[in-house]
Amino acid sequence: MTVHGAKGLEAPVVILPDTATRATAQGGALLETAGGGFLWCARKPDDCEATATAREARSDAADRETLRLLYVP
C-alpha cells in the first residue's frame, strides 16, 4: 500500500518529497532585524549578538518555509 493509498488517494504515480535534506538560509550579508531594520555582517564568525539573532531568525524562516512547502500540493 502506498502512502496515498493509506489516505484513500490512489494514484498511478506517487511522488514523495525529499525530506532528508535541510534547506539552508539563502541570502547575502544584509540581515533583517525583528524591528524592521537591517544589519550588515558578511561573515558568521564576525557576528555580534544582534547579527547572530538576525541570522538565526533568517535560518528559522527558511526552515518554516521548507515545512510549508512540504504540504503544498
N, C-alpha and C. Protein backbone atom coordinates (compact mmCIF):
# COMPACT_ATOMS: atom_id res chain seq x y z
N MET A 1 0.85 -1.17 0.00
CA MET A 1 0.00 0.00 0.00
C MET A 1 0.90 1.24 0.00
N THR A 2 0.56 2.19 -0.84
CA THR A 2 1.34 3.42 -0.89
C THR A 2 0.87 4.39 0.18
N VAL A 3 1.63 5.45 0.36
CA VAL A 3 1.25 6.50 1.30
C VAL A 3 -0.10 7.09 0.89
N HIS A 4 -0.26 7.33 -0.42
CA HIS A 4 -1.52 7.90 -0.90
C HIS A 4 -2.67 6.90 -0.75
N GLY A 5 -2.38 5.62 -0.93
CA GLY A 5 -3.41 4.61 -0.78
C GLY A 5 -3.94 4.56 0.64
N ALA A 6 -3.06 4.74 1.61
CA ALA A 6 -3.47 4.73 3.00
C ALA A 6 -4.42 5.89 3.30
N LYS A 7 -4.31 6.97 2.54
CA LYS A 7 -5.17 8.13 2.74
C LYS A 7 -6.37 8.10 1.80
N GLY A 8 -6.50 7.07 0.98
CA GLY A 8 -7.61 6.97 0.06
C GLY A 8 -7.40 7.76 -1.21
N LEU A 9 -6.19 8.09 -1.53
CA LEU A 9 -5.88 8.89 -2.72
C LEU A 9 -5.02 8.08 -3.68
N GLU A 10 -5.53 6.98 -4.17
CA GLU A 10 -4.77 6.13 -5.08
C GLU A 10 -4.39 6.90 -6.34
N ALA A 11 -3.17 6.75 -6.75
CA ALA A 11 -2.68 7.40 -7.97
C ALA A 11 -1.69 6.45 -8.64
N PRO A 12 -1.59 6.48 -9.97
CA PRO A 12 -0.65 5.60 -10.64
C PRO A 12 0.80 5.97 -10.35
N VAL A 13 1.06 7.24 -10.07
CA VAL A 13 2.41 7.70 -9.75
C VAL A 13 2.35 8.44 -8.43
N VAL A 14 3.23 8.07 -7.51
CA VAL A 14 3.29 8.74 -6.22
C VAL A 14 4.65 9.41 -6.11
N ILE A 15 4.65 10.70 -5.83
CA ILE A 15 5.88 11.46 -5.69
C ILE A 15 6.06 11.81 -4.21
N LEU A 16 7.16 11.38 -3.65
CA LEU A 16 7.46 11.70 -2.26
C LEU A 16 8.51 12.80 -2.21
N PRO A 17 8.33 13.80 -1.38
CA PRO A 17 9.29 14.90 -1.31
C PRO A 17 10.59 14.46 -0.65
N ASP A 18 11.63 15.19 -0.94
CA ASP A 18 12.92 14.93 -0.31
C ASP A 18 12.90 15.52 1.09
N THR A 19 12.74 14.66 2.08
CA THR A 19 12.68 15.12 3.47
C THR A 19 13.98 14.85 4.22
N ALA A 20 14.99 14.35 3.53
CA ALA A 20 16.24 14.01 4.19
C ALA A 20 17.22 15.18 4.23
N THR A 21 17.05 16.15 3.33
CA THR A 21 17.96 17.29 3.32
C THR A 21 17.30 18.49 3.97
N ARG A 22 18.12 19.32 4.55
CA ARG A 22 17.63 20.52 5.22
C ARG A 22 17.98 21.74 4.38
N ALA A 23 17.01 22.60 4.18
CA ALA A 23 17.26 23.82 3.41
C ALA A 23 18.14 24.76 4.22
N THR A 24 19.01 25.45 3.53
CA THR A 24 19.84 26.44 4.20
C THR A 24 19.32 27.82 3.84
N ALA A 25 19.48 28.73 4.75
CA ALA A 25 19.03 30.09 4.51
C ALA A 25 19.90 30.71 3.43
N GLN A 26 19.26 31.19 2.41
CA GLN A 26 19.97 31.84 1.32
C GLN A 26 19.88 33.34 1.52
N GLY A 27 20.93 34.01 1.23
CA GLY A 27 20.89 35.46 1.36
C GLY A 27 22.29 36.01 1.47
N GLY A 28 22.37 37.28 1.34
CA GLY A 28 23.65 37.94 1.42
C GLY A 28 23.98 38.35 2.83
N ALA A 29 24.82 39.37 2.92
CA ALA A 29 25.29 39.83 4.20
C ALA A 29 24.32 40.79 4.88
N LEU A 30 23.25 41.17 4.17
CA LEU A 30 22.26 42.09 4.73
C LEU A 30 21.22 41.27 5.48
N LEU A 31 21.14 41.48 6.78
CA LEU A 31 20.24 40.72 7.64
C LEU A 31 19.13 41.62 8.16
N GLU A 32 17.88 41.14 8.11
CA GLU A 32 16.75 41.93 8.61
C GLU A 32 16.57 41.65 10.09
N THR A 33 16.34 42.71 10.86
CA THR A 33 16.14 42.58 12.30
C THR A 33 14.65 42.45 12.60
N ALA A 34 14.33 42.09 13.83
CA ALA A 34 12.93 41.93 14.23
C ALA A 34 12.18 43.26 14.19
N GLY A 35 12.89 44.37 14.37
CA GLY A 35 12.26 45.67 14.37
C GLY A 35 12.06 46.26 12.98
N GLY A 36 12.45 45.53 11.95
CA GLY A 36 12.28 46.01 10.59
C GLY A 36 13.50 46.69 10.02
N GLY A 37 14.56 46.80 10.78
CA GLY A 37 15.80 47.41 10.30
C GLY A 37 16.68 46.36 9.63
N PHE A 38 17.85 46.81 9.21
CA PHE A 38 18.78 45.90 8.55
C PHE A 38 20.17 46.04 9.14
N LEU A 39 20.91 44.94 9.17
CA LEU A 39 22.29 44.92 9.64
C LEU A 39 23.16 44.31 8.55
N TRP A 40 24.40 44.74 8.50
CA TRP A 40 25.35 44.21 7.53
C TRP A 40 26.40 43.40 8.28
N CYS A 41 26.53 42.13 7.95
CA CYS A 41 27.57 41.28 8.52
C CYS A 41 27.92 40.22 7.49
N ALA A 42 29.10 40.34 6.92
CA ALA A 42 29.49 39.47 5.81
C ALA A 42 29.88 38.06 6.26
N ARG A 43 30.45 37.94 7.44
CA ARG A 43 30.94 36.62 7.86
C ARG A 43 30.32 36.23 9.20
N LYS A 44 29.92 34.96 9.29
CA LYS A 44 29.31 34.47 10.53
C LYS A 44 30.26 34.57 11.73
N PRO A 45 31.56 34.30 11.56
CA PRO A 45 32.45 34.43 12.73
C PRO A 45 32.53 35.85 13.29
N ASP A 46 32.16 36.86 12.49
CA ASP A 46 32.20 38.24 12.95
C ASP A 46 30.89 38.70 13.56
N ASP A 47 29.92 37.81 13.77
CA ASP A 47 28.61 38.19 14.30
C ASP A 47 28.70 38.73 15.72
N CYS A 48 27.97 39.81 15.96
CA CYS A 48 27.74 40.27 17.32
C CYS A 48 26.40 39.67 17.75
N GLU A 49 25.92 40.02 18.91
CA GLU A 49 24.67 39.43 19.40
C GLU A 49 23.49 39.75 18.48
N ALA A 50 23.42 40.99 18.00
CA ALA A 50 22.30 41.39 17.14
C ALA A 50 22.33 40.67 15.79
N THR A 51 23.50 40.57 15.18
CA THR A 51 23.57 39.90 13.89
C THR A 51 23.37 38.39 14.03
N ALA A 52 23.82 37.82 15.14
CA ALA A 52 23.60 36.39 15.37
C ALA A 52 22.10 36.10 15.51
N THR A 53 21.38 36.98 16.20
CA THR A 53 19.94 36.82 16.35
C THR A 53 19.24 36.96 15.00
N ALA A 54 19.66 37.95 14.20
CA ALA A 54 19.06 38.14 12.88
C ALA A 54 19.36 36.97 11.96
N ARG A 55 20.57 36.44 12.03
CA ARG A 55 20.94 35.29 11.20
C ARG A 55 20.14 34.05 11.59
N GLU A 56 19.93 33.86 12.90
CA GLU A 56 19.14 32.73 13.38
C GLU A 56 17.68 32.86 12.95
N ALA A 57 17.16 34.09 12.97
CA ALA A 57 15.78 34.33 12.54
C ALA A 57 15.64 34.00 11.05
N ARG A 58 16.63 34.34 10.24
CA ARG A 58 16.59 34.02 8.81
C ARG A 58 16.63 32.51 8.60
N SER A 59 17.43 31.82 9.38
CA SER A 59 17.51 30.37 9.29
C SER A 59 16.19 29.72 9.71
N ASP A 60 15.57 30.23 10.78
CA ASP A 60 14.28 29.70 11.22
C ASP A 60 13.20 29.93 10.17
N ALA A 61 13.23 31.08 9.52
CA ALA A 61 12.26 31.38 8.46
C ALA A 61 12.44 30.41 7.29
N ALA A 62 13.68 30.08 6.95
CA ALA A 62 13.93 29.12 5.88
C ALA A 62 13.41 27.74 6.25
N ASP A 63 13.58 27.35 7.51
CA ASP A 63 13.05 26.06 7.98
C ASP A 63 11.53 26.03 7.91
N ARG A 64 10.87 27.11 8.34
CA ARG A 64 9.40 27.16 8.28
C ARG A 64 8.91 27.11 6.84
N GLU A 65 9.61 27.78 5.94
CA GLU A 65 9.20 27.78 4.54
C GLU A 65 9.36 26.38 3.94
N THR A 66 10.41 25.67 4.31
CA THR A 66 10.60 24.30 3.83
C THR A 66 9.47 23.40 4.28
N LEU A 67 9.07 23.52 5.55
CA LEU A 67 7.97 22.70 6.06
C LEU A 67 6.65 23.11 5.42
N ARG A 68 6.46 24.39 5.15
CA ARG A 68 5.24 24.85 4.50
C ARG A 68 5.13 24.28 3.09
N LEU A 69 6.23 24.29 2.36
CA LEU A 69 6.23 23.79 1.00
C LEU A 69 6.05 22.27 0.94
N LEU A 70 6.37 21.58 2.03
CA LEU A 70 6.21 20.12 2.07
C LEU A 70 4.74 19.73 1.92
N TYR A 71 3.83 20.59 2.40
CA TYR A 71 2.41 20.25 2.38
C TYR A 71 1.64 20.92 1.27
N VAL A 72 2.30 21.72 0.45
CA VAL A 72 1.62 22.36 -0.68
C VAL A 72 1.60 21.38 -1.85
N PRO A 73 0.41 21.02 -2.36
CA PRO A 73 0.37 20.06 -3.46
C PRO A 73 0.79 20.69 -4.77
